[in-house]
């Protein structure tokens, strides 16, 4: 390309046309090729994700609480990070 202004202009036009083509193809695929879930499917899948997230949160809390009890001071709850820090001290 160098300092040739015509080559630079052609290159910019090429890049812009490629980008426009990408955007047009993306819009076409999102409108005509993607199968979107129905409202009922979306609601049921959302409920599944929320319930699974709550189960994992409770499980992690229980594990953190149990690991937090160990150590020299058994009455102070330090959590999992406190347990890890105590291992390296």
PDB file of N, CA and C in Angstrom:
ATOM      1  N   UNK A   1       0.836  -1.179   0.000  1.00  0.00           N
ATOM      2  CA  UNK A   1       0.000   0.000   0.000  1.00  0.00           C
ATOM      3  C   UNK A   1       0.881   1.242   0.000  1.00  0.00           C
ATOM      4  N   UNK A   2       1.757   1.365   0.972  1.00  0.00           N
ATOM      5  CA  UNK A   2       2.680   2.485   1.003  1.00  0.00           C
ATOM      6  C   UNK A   2       1.971   3.815   1.115  1.00  0.00           C
ATOM      7  N   UNK A   3       2.420   4.770   0.282  1.00  0.00           N
ATOM      8  CA  UNK A   3       1.839   6.115   0.329  1.00  0.00           C
ATOM      9  C   UNK A   3       0.884   6.357  -0.829  1.00  0.00           C
ATOM     10  N   UNK A   4       0.458   5.297  -1.498  1.00  0.00           N
ATOM     11  CA  UNK A   4      -0.462   5.428  -2.623  1.00  0.00           C
ATOM     12  C   UNK A   4      -1.880   5.683  -2.105  1.00  0.00           C
ATOM     13  N   UNK A   5      -2.442   6.902  -2.342  1.00  0.00           N
ATOM     14  CA  UNK A   5      -3.771   7.204  -1.819  1.00  0.00           C
ATOM     15  C   UNK A   5      -4.871   6.361  -2.468  1.00  0.00           C
ATOM     16  N   UNK A   6      -4.693   5.988  -3.725  1.00  0.00           N
ATOM     17  CA  UNK A   6      -5.708   5.180  -4.407  1.00  0.00           C
ATOM     18  C   UNK A   6      -5.775   3.785  -3.779  1.00  0.00           C
ATOM     19  N   UNK A   7      -4.629   3.204  -3.477  1.00  0.00           N
ATOM     20  CA  UNK A   7      -4.590   1.883  -2.868  1.00  0.00           C
ATOM     21  C   UNK A   7      -5.211   1.922  -1.470  1.00  0.00           C
ATOM     22  N   UNK A   8      -4.929   3.000  -0.727  1.00  0.00           N
ATOM     23  CA  UNK A   8      -5.524   3.140   0.601  1.00  0.00           C
ATOM     24  C   UNK A   8      -7.040   3.254   0.515  1.00  0.00           C
ATOM     25  N   UNK A   9      -7.535   4.019  -0.427  1.00  0.00           N
ATOM     26  CA  UNK A   9      -8.980   4.197  -0.594  1.00  0.00           C
ATOM     27  C   UNK A   9      -9.635   2.871  -0.978  1.00  0.00           C
ATOM     28  N   UNK A  10      -9.002   2.112  -1.869  1.00  0.00           N
ATOM     29  CA  UNK A  10      -9.549   0.810  -2.255  1.00  0.00           C
ATOM     30  C   UNK A  10      -9.565  -0.138  -1.059  1.00  0.00           C
ATOM     31  N   UNK A  11      -8.487  -0.098  -0.262  1.00  0.00           N
ATOM     32  CA  UNK A  11      -8.411  -0.959   0.907  1.00  0.00           C
ATOM     33  C   UNK A  11      -9.504  -0.610   1.917  1.00  0.00           C
ATOM     34  N   UNK A  12      -9.709   0.697   2.170  1.00  0.00           N
ATOM     35  CA  UNK A  12     -10.759   1.120   3.094  1.00  0.00           C
ATOM     36  C   UNK A  12     -12.130   0.712   2.575  1.00  0.00           C
ATOM     37  N   UNK A  13     -12.358   0.865   1.269  1.00  0.00           N
ATOM     38  CA  UNK A  13     -13.632   0.463   0.683  1.00  0.00           C
ATOM     39  C   UNK A  13     -13.832  -1.037   0.830  1.00  0.00           C
ATOM     40  N   UNK A  14     -12.756  -1.800   0.632  1.00  0.00           N
ATOM     41  CA  UNK A  14     -12.819  -3.255   0.784  1.00  0.00           C
ATOM     42  C   UNK A  14     -13.191  -3.635   2.223  1.00  0.00           C
ATOM     43  N   UNK A  15     -12.540  -2.997   3.191  1.00  0.00           N
ATOM     44  CA  UNK A  15     -12.806  -3.291   4.593  1.00  0.00           C
ATOM     45  C   UNK A  15     -14.246  -2.921   4.956  1.00  0.00           C
ATOM     46  N   UNK A  16     -14.701  -1.754   4.514  1.00  0.00           N
ATOM     47  CA  UNK A  16     -16.062  -1.313   4.825  1.00  0.00           C
ATOM     48  C   UNK A  16     -17.080  -2.250   4.194  1.00  0.00           C
ATOM     49  N   UNK A  17     -16.839  -2.684   2.950  1.00  0.00           N
ATOM     50  CA  UNK A  17     -17.790  -3.584   2.296  1.00  0.00           C
ATOM     51  C   UNK A  17     -17.811  -4.949   2.989  1.00  0.00           C
ATOM     52  N   UNK A  18     -16.653  -5.440   3.438  1.00  0.00           N
ATOM     53  CA  UNK A  18     -16.615  -6.703   4.172  1.00  0.00           C
ATOM     54  C   UNK A  18     -17.390  -6.588   5.489  1.00  0.00           C
ATOM     55  N   UNK A  19     -17.204  -5.476   6.206  1.00  0.00           N
ATOM     56  CA  UNK A  19     -17.894  -5.269   7.468  1.00  0.00           C
ATOM     57  C   UNK A  19     -19.405  -5.167   7.248  1.00  0.00           C
ATOM     58  N   UNK A  20     -19.818  -4.425   6.206  1.00  0.00           N
ATOM     59  CA  UNK A  20     -21.241  -4.299   5.898  1.00  0.00           C
ATOM     60  C   UNK A  20     -21.827  -5.655   5.530  1.00  0.00           C
ATOM     61  N   UNK A  21     -21.100  -6.449   4.782  1.00  0.00           N
ATOM     62  CA  UNK A  21     -21.551  -7.785   4.414  1.00  0.00           C
ATOM     63  C   UNK A  21     -21.714  -8.660   5.658  1.00  0.00           C
ATOM     64  N   UNK A  22     -20.781  -8.567   6.586  1.00  0.00           N
ATOM     65  CA  UNK A  22     -20.854  -9.332   7.836  1.00  0.00           C
ATOM     66  C   UNK A  22     -22.102  -8.949   8.629  1.00  0.00           C
ATOM     67  N   UNK A  23     -22.357  -7.656   8.760  1.00  0.00           N
ATOM     68  CA  UNK A  23     -23.525  -7.184   9.502  1.00  0.00           C
ATOM     69  C   UNK A  23     -24.812  -7.645   8.817  1.00  0.00           C
ATOM     70  N   UNK A  24     -24.877  -7.533   7.490  1.00  0.00           N
ATOM     71  CA  UNK A  24     -26.070  -7.968   6.760  1.00  0.00           C
ATOM     72  C   UNK A  24     -26.323  -9.461   6.931  1.00  0.00           C
ATOM     73  N   UNK A  25     -25.289 -10.274   6.855  1.00  0.00           N
ATOM     74  CA  UNK A  25     -25.440 -11.718   7.028  1.00  0.00           C
ATOM     75  C   UNK A  25     -25.849 -12.068   8.454  1.00  0.00           C
ATOM     76  N   UNK A  26     -25.313 -11.334   9.423  1.00  0.00           N
ATOM     77  CA  UNK A  26     -25.672 -11.574  10.816  1.00  0.00           C
ATOM     78  C   UNK A  26     -27.146 -11.266  11.053  1.00  0.00           C
ATOM     79  N   UNK A  27     -27.622 -10.143  10.540  1.00  0.00           N
ATOM     80  CA  UNK A  27     -29.034  -9.776  10.690  1.00  0.00           C
ATOM     81  C   UNK A  27     -29.924 -10.803  10.016  1.00  0.00           C
ATOM     82  N   UNK A  28     -29.548 -11.234   8.809  1.00  0.00           N
ATOM     83  CA  UNK A  28     -30.346 -12.235   8.097  1.00  0.00           C
ATOM     84  C   UNK A  28     -30.430 -13.539   8.898  1.00  0.00           C
ATOM     85  N   UNK A  29     -29.297 -13.983   9.423  1.00  0.00           N
ATOM     86  CA  UNK A  29     -29.296 -15.236  10.173  1.00  0.00           C
ATOM     87  C   UNK A  29     -30.108 -15.126  11.459  1.00  0.00           C
ATOM     88  N   UNK A  30     -29.998 -13.993  12.154  1.00  0.00           N
ATOM     89  CA  UNK A  30     -30.752 -13.824  13.394  1.00  0.00           C
ATOM     90  C   UNK A  30     -32.259 -13.777  13.133  1.00  0.00           C
ATOM     91  N   UNK A  31     -32.663 -13.259  11.986  1.00  0.00           N
ATOM     92  CA  UNK A  31     -34.094 -13.157  11.683  1.00  0.00           C
ATOM     93  C   UNK A  31     -34.674 -14.448  11.111  1.00  0.00           C
ATOM     94  N   UNK A  32     -33.916 -15.132  10.257  1.00  0.00           N
ATOM     95  CA  UNK A  32     -34.497 -16.229   9.484  1.00  0.00           C
ATOM     96  C   UNK A  32     -33.954 -17.616   9.817  1.00  0.00           C
ATOM     97  N   UNK A  33     -32.766 -17.713  10.361  1.00  0.00           N
ATOM     98  CA  UNK A  33     -32.157 -19.021  10.566  1.00  0.00           C
ATOM     99  C   UNK A  33     -32.200 -19.502  12.022  1.00  0.00           C
ATOM    100  N   UNK A  34     -32.254 -18.576  12.971  1.00  0.00           N
ATOM    101  CA  UNK A  34     -32.221 -18.935  14.392  1.00  0.00           C
ATOM    102  C   UNK A  34     -33.619 -19.335  14.843  1.00  0.00           C
ATOM    103  N   UNK A  35     -33.704 -20.432  15.585  1.00  0.00           N
ATOM    104  CA  UNK A  35     -35.000 -20.819  16.161  1.00  0.00           C
ATOM    105  C   UNK A  35     -35.059 -20.289  17.587  1.00  0.00           C
ATOM    106  N   UNK A  36     -35.910 -19.313  17.818  1.00  0.00           N
ATOM    107  CA  UNK A  36     -36.035 -18.672  19.109  1.00  0.00           C
ATOM    108  C   UNK A  36     -36.994 -19.467  19.983  1.00  0.00           C
ATOM    109  N   UNK A  37     -36.758 -19.525  21.294  1.00  0.00           N
ATOM    110  CA  UNK A  37     -37.670 -20.263  22.177  1.00  0.00           C
ATOM    111  C   UNK A  37     -38.995 -19.524  22.333  1.00  0.00           C
ATOM    112  N   UNK A  38     -40.033 -20.294  22.631  1.00  0.00           N
ATOM    113  CA  UNK A  38     -41.323 -19.673  22.920  1.00  0.00           C
ATOM    114  C   UNK A  38     -41.275 -19.059  24.317  1.00  0.00           C
ATOM    115  N   UNK A  39     -42.304 -18.273  24.633  1.00  0.00           N
ATOM    116  CA  UNK A  39     -42.347 -17.625  25.936  1.00  0.00           C
ATOM    117  C   UNK A  39     -42.408 -18.657  27.058  1.00  0.00           C
ATOM    118  N   UNK A  40     -43.171 -19.733  26.870  1.00  0.00           N
ATOM    119  CA  UNK A  40     -43.278 -20.792  27.893  1.00  0.00           C
ATOM    120  C   UNK A  40     -41.930 -21.494  28.085  1.00  0.00           C
ATOM    121  N   UNK A  41     -41.235 -21.806  26.991  1.00  0.00           N
ATOM    122  CA  UNK A  41     -39.922 -22.448  27.100  1.00  0.00           C
ATOM    123  C   UNK A  41     -38.937 -21.540  27.833  1.00  0.00           C
ATOM    124  N   UNK A  42     -38.998 -20.256  27.526  1.00  0.00           N
ATOM    125  CA  UNK A  42     -38.104 -19.299  28.165  1.00  0.00           C
ATOM    126  C   UNK A  42     -38.366 -19.222  29.663  1.00  0.00           C
ATOM    127  N   UNK A  43     -39.639 -19.208  30.052  1.00  0.00           N
ATOM    128  CA  UNK A  43     -39.975 -19.166  31.470  1.00  0.00           C
ATOM    129  C   UNK A  43     -39.512 -20.428  32.195  1.00  0.00           C
ATOM    130  N   UNK A  44     -39.755 -21.587  31.609  1.00  0.00           N
ATOM    131  CA  UNK A  44     -39.364 -22.829  32.287  1.00  0.00           C
ATOM    132  C   UNK A  44     -37.846 -22.951  32.389  1.00  0.00           C
ATOM    133  N   UNK A  45     -37.137 -22.563  31.348  1.00  0.00           N
ATOM    134  CA  UNK A  45     -35.675 -22.618  31.410  1.00  0.00           C
ATOM    135  C   UNK A  45     -35.117 -21.620  32.430  1.00  0.00           C
ATOM    136  N   UNK A  46     -35.760 -20.468  32.553  1.00  0.00           N
ATOM    137  CA  UNK A  46     -35.326 -19.483  33.540  1.00  0.00           C
ATOM    138  C   UNK A  46     -35.514 -20.021  34.953  1.00  0.00           C
ATOM    139  N   UNK A  47     -36.634 -20.685  35.192  1.00  0.00           N
ATOM    140  CA  UNK A  47     -36.886 -21.261  36.513  1.00  0.00           C
ATOM    141  C   UNK A  47     -35.837 -22.325  36.825  1.00  0.00           C
ATOM    142  N   UNK A  48     -35.492 -23.142  35.841  1.00  0.00           N
ATOM    143  CA  UNK A  48     -34.477 -24.178  36.051  1.00  0.00           C
ATOM    144  C   UNK A  48     -33.128 -23.550  36.422  1.00  0.00           C
ATOM    145  N   UNK A  49     -32.753 -22.489  35.724  1.00  0.00           N
ATOM    146  CA  UNK A  49     -31.472 -21.827  35.993  1.00  0.00           C
ATOM    147  C   UNK A  49     -31.465 -21.191  37.384  1.00  0.00           C
ATOM    148  N   UNK A  50     -32.575 -20.561  37.771  1.00  0.00           N
ATOM    149  CA  UNK A  50     -32.639 -19.922  39.091  1.00  0.00           C
ATOM    150  C   UNK A  50     -32.557 -20.975  40.196  1.00  0.00           C
ATOM    151  N   UNK A  51     -33.290 -22.072  40.054  1.00  0.00           N
ATOM    152  CA  UNK A  51     -33.262 -23.126  41.074  1.00  0.00           C
ATOM    153  C   UNK A  51     -31.865 -23.742  41.164  1.00  0.00           C
ATOM    154  N   UNK A  52     -31.245 -24.033  40.026  1.00  0.00           N
ATOM    155  CA  UNK A  52     -29.892 -24.602  40.033  1.00  0.00           C
ATOM    156  C   UNK A  52     -28.898 -23.627  40.673  1.00  0.00           C
ATOM    157  N   UNK A  53     -29.036 -22.342  40.384  1.00  0.00           N
ATOM    158  CA  UNK A  53     -28.142 -21.341  40.984  1.00  0.00           C
ATOM    159  C   UNK A  53     -28.306 -21.290  42.495  1.00  0.00           C
ATOM    160  N   UNK A  54     -29.546 -21.361  42.966  1.00  0.00           N
ATOM    161  CA  UNK A  54     -29.782 -21.361  44.412  1.00  0.00           C
ATOM    162  C   UNK A  54     -29.201 -22.607  45.076  1.00  0.00           C
ATOM    163  N   UNK A  55     -29.351 -23.757  44.428  1.00  0.00           N
ATOM    164  CA  UNK A  55     -28.795 -24.998  44.981  1.00  0.00           C
ATOM    165  C   UNK A  55     -27.276 -24.893  45.090  1.00  0.00           C
ATOM    166  N   UNK A  56     -26.629 -24.396  44.028  1.00  0.00           N
ATOM    167  CA  UNK A  56     -25.170 -24.253  44.068  1.00  0.00           C
ATOM    168  C   UNK A  56     -24.742 -23.223  45.104  1.00  0.00           C
ATOM    169  N   UNK A  57     -25.500 -22.142  45.253  1.00  0.00           N
ATOM    170  CA  UNK A  57     -25.145 -21.126  46.248  1.00  0.00           C
ATOM    171  C   UNK A  57     -25.229 -21.698  47.655  1.00  0.00           C
ATOM    172  N   UNK A  58     -26.274 -22.461  47.944  1.00  0.00           N
ATOM    173  CA  UNK A  58     -26.406 -23.076  49.265  1.00  0.00           C
ATOM    174  C   UNK A  58     -25.290 -24.090  49.492  1.00  0.00           C
ATOM    175  N   UNK A  59     -24.970 -24.883  48.472  1.00  0.00           N
ATOM    176  CA  UNK A  59     -23.899 -25.871  48.588  1.00  0.00           C
ATOM    177  C   UNK A  59     -22.555 -25.195  48.870  1.00  0.00           C
ATOM    178  N   UNK A  60     -22.261 -24.127  48.163  1.00  0.00           N
ATOM    179  CA  UNK A  60     -21.004 -23.407  48.383  1.00  0.00           C
ATOM    180  C   UNK A  60     -20.983 -22.769  49.768  1.00  0.00           C
ATOM    181  N   UNK A  61     -22.136 -22.224  50.220  1.00  0.00           N
ATOM    182  CA  UNK A  61     -22.197 -21.646  51.554  1.00  0.00           C
ATOM    183  C   UNK A  61     -21.919 -22.703  52.621  1.00  0.00           C
ATOM    184  N   UNK A  62     -22.526 -23.867  52.471  1.00  0.00           N
ATOM    185  CA  UNK A  62     -22.320 -24.944  53.457  1.00  0.00           C
ATOM    186  C   UNK A  62     -20.861 -25.368  53.481  1.00  0.00           C
ATOM    187  N   UNK A  63     -20.263 -25.536  52.292  1.00  0.00           N
ATOM    188  CA  UNK A  63     -18.847 -25.922  52.244  1.00  0.00           C
ATOM    189  C   UNK A  63     -17.971 -24.841  52.871  1.00  0.00           C
ATOM    190  N   UNK A  64     -18.271 -23.582  52.578  1.00  0.00           N
ATOM    191  CA  UNK A  64     -17.491 -22.482  53.132  1.00  0.00           C
ATOM    192  C   UNK A  64     -17.641 -22.426  54.644  1.00  0.00           C
ATOM    193  N   UNK A  65     -18.852 -22.649  55.130  1.00  0.00           N
ATOM    194  CA  UNK A  65     -19.079 -22.626  56.575  1.00  0.00           C
ATOM    195  C   UNK A  65     -18.336 -23.765  57.261  1.00  0.00           C
ATOM    196  N   UNK A  66     -18.385 -24.959  56.683  1.00  0.00           N
ATOM    197  CA  UNK A  66     -17.709 -26.104  57.297  1.00  0.00           C
ATOM    198  C   UNK A  66     -16.202 -25.932  57.300  1.00  0.00           C
ATOM    199  N   UNK A  67     -15.641 -25.428  56.211  1.00  0.00           N
ATOM    200  CA  UNK A  67     -14.198 -25.206  56.187  1.00  0.00           C
ATOM    201  C   UNK A  67     -13.806 -24.038  57.077  1.00  0.00           C
ATOM    202  N   UNK A  68     -14.717 -23.100  57.315  1.00  0.00           N
ATOM    203  CA  UNK A  68     -14.412 -21.933  58.139  1.00  0.00           C
ATOM    204  C   UNK A  68     -14.311 -22.260  59.608  1.00  0.00           C
ATOM    205  N   UNK A  69     -14.894 -23.361  60.058  1.00  0.00           N
ATOM    206  CA  UNK A  69     -14.860 -23.723  61.471  1.00  0.00           C
ATOM    207  C   UNK A  69     -13.489 -24.267  61.864  1.00  0.00           C
ATOM    208  N   UNK A  70     -12.776 -24.920  60.954  1.00  0.00           N
ATOM    209  CA  UNK A  70     -11.493 -25.528  61.304  1.00  0.00           C
ATOM    210  C   UNK A  70     -10.452 -24.459  61.590  1.00  0.00           C
ATOM    211  N   UNK A  71      -9.457 -24.813  62.343  1.00  0.00           N
ATOM    212  CA  UNK A  71      -8.382 -23.878  62.661  1.00  0.00           C
ATOM    213  C   UNK A  71      -8.186 -23.768  64.155  1.00  0.00           C
ATOM    214  N   UNK A  72      -7.309 -22.841  64.561  1.00  0.00           N
ATOM    215  CA  UNK A  72      -7.001 -22.671  65.975  1.00  0.00           C
ATOM    216  C   UNK A  72      -8.166 -22.070  66.742  1.00  0.00           C
ATOM    217  N   UNK A  73      -8.810 -21.074  66.181  1.00  0.00           N
ATOM    218  CA  UNK A  73      -9.947 -20.424  66.833  1.00  0.00           C
ATOM    219  C   UNK A  73     -11.227 -21.033  66.269  1.00  0.00           C
ATOM    220  N   UNK A  74     -11.765 -22.029  66.943  1.00  0.00           N
ATOM    221  CA  UNK A  74     -12.915 -22.758  66.422  1.00  0.00           C
ATOM    222  C   UNK A  74     -14.213 -21.963  66.518  1.00  0.00           C
ATOM    223  N   UNK A  75     -14.244 -20.906  67.321  1.00  0.00           N
ATOM    224  CA  UNK A  75     -15.467 -20.125  67.448  1.00  0.00           C
ATOM    225  C   UNK A  75     -15.572 -19.032  66.393  1.00  0.00           C
ATOM    226  N   UNK A  76     -14.468 -18.692  65.745  1.00  0.00           N
ATOM    227  CA  UNK A  76     -14.481 -17.620  64.747  1.00  0.00           C
ATOM    228  C   UNK A  76     -14.621 -18.243  63.367  1.00  0.00           C
ATOM    229  N   UNK A  77     -15.611 -17.775  62.651  1.00  0.00           N
ATOM    230  CA  UNK A  77     -15.844 -18.298  61.308  1.00  0.00           C
ATOM    231  C   UNK A  77     -15.060 -17.464  60.319  1.00  0.00           C
ATOM    232  N   UNK A  78     -14.104 -18.095  59.646  1.00  0.00           N
ATOM    233  CA  UNK A  78     -13.252 -17.369  58.712  1.00  0.00           C
ATOM    234  C   UNK A  78     -13.612 -17.664  57.263  1.00  0.00           C
ATOM    235  N   UNK A  79     -14.381 -18.668  57.008  1.00  0.00           N
ATOM    236  CA  UNK A  79     -14.738 -18.996  55.636  1.00  0.00           C
ATOM    237  C   UNK A  79     -13.621 -19.735  54.930  1.00  0.00           C
ATOM    238  N   UNK A  80     -13.861 -20.042  53.683  1.00  0.00           N
ATOM    239  CA  UNK A  80     -12.903 -20.809  52.901  1.00  0.00           C
ATOM    240  C   UNK A  80     -11.613 -20.034  52.675  1.00  0.00           C
ATOM    241  N   UNK A  81     -11.725 -18.727  52.413  1.00  0.00           N
ATOM    242  CA  UNK A  81     -10.506 -17.949  52.217  1.00  0.00           C
ATOM    243  C   UNK A  81      -9.673 -17.887  53.493  1.00  0.00           C
ATOM    244  N   UNK A  82     -10.345 -17.789  54.640  1.00  0.00           N
ATOM    245  CA  UNK A  82      -9.607 -17.811  55.904  1.00  0.00           C
ATOM    246  C   UNK A  82      -8.885 -19.122  56.096  1.00  0.00           C
ATOM    247  N   UNK A  83      -9.525 -20.213  55.709  1.00  0.00           N
ATOM    248  CA  UNK A  83      -8.911 -21.532  55.784  1.00  0.00           C
ATOM    249  C   UNK A  83      -7.680 -21.613  54.885  1.00  0.00           C
ATOM    250  N   UNK A  84      -7.800 -21.107  53.676  1.00  0.00           N
ATOM    251  CA  UNK A  84      -6.665 -21.145  52.729  1.00  0.00           C
ATOM    252  C   UNK A  84      -5.532 -20.260  53.228  1.00  0.00           C
ATOM    253  N   UNK A  85      -5.854 -19.064  53.706  1.00  0.00           N
ATOM    254  CA  UNK A  85      -4.808 -18.166  54.220  1.00  0.00           C
ATOM    255  C   UNK A  85      -4.095 -18.795  55.416  1.00  0.00           C
ATOM    256  N   UNK A  86      -4.852 -19.486  56.252  1.00  0.00           N
ATOM    257  CA  UNK A  86      -4.254 -20.100  57.429  1.00  0.00           C
ATOM    258  C   UNK A  86      -3.309 -21.238  57.024  1.00  0.00           C
ATOM    259  N   UNK A  87      -3.595 -21.921  55.934  1.00  0.00           N
ATOM    260  CA  UNK A  87      -2.725 -22.988  55.464  1.00  0.00           C
ATOM    261  C   UNK A  87      -1.350 -22.456  55.074  1.00  0.00           C
ATOM    262  N   UNK A  88      -1.295 -21.244  54.526  1.00  0.00           N
ATOM    263  CA  UNK A  88      -0.040 -20.711  54.036  1.00  0.00           C
ATOM    264  C   UNK A  88       0.689 -19.872  55.073  1.00  0.00           C
ATOM    265  N   UNK A  89       0.121 -19.685  56.249  1.00  0.00           N
ATOM    266  CA  UNK A  89       0.804 -18.910  57.302  1.00  0.00           C
ATOM    267  C   UNK A  89       1.531 -19.807  58.253  1.00  0.00           C
TER     268      UNK A  89
END
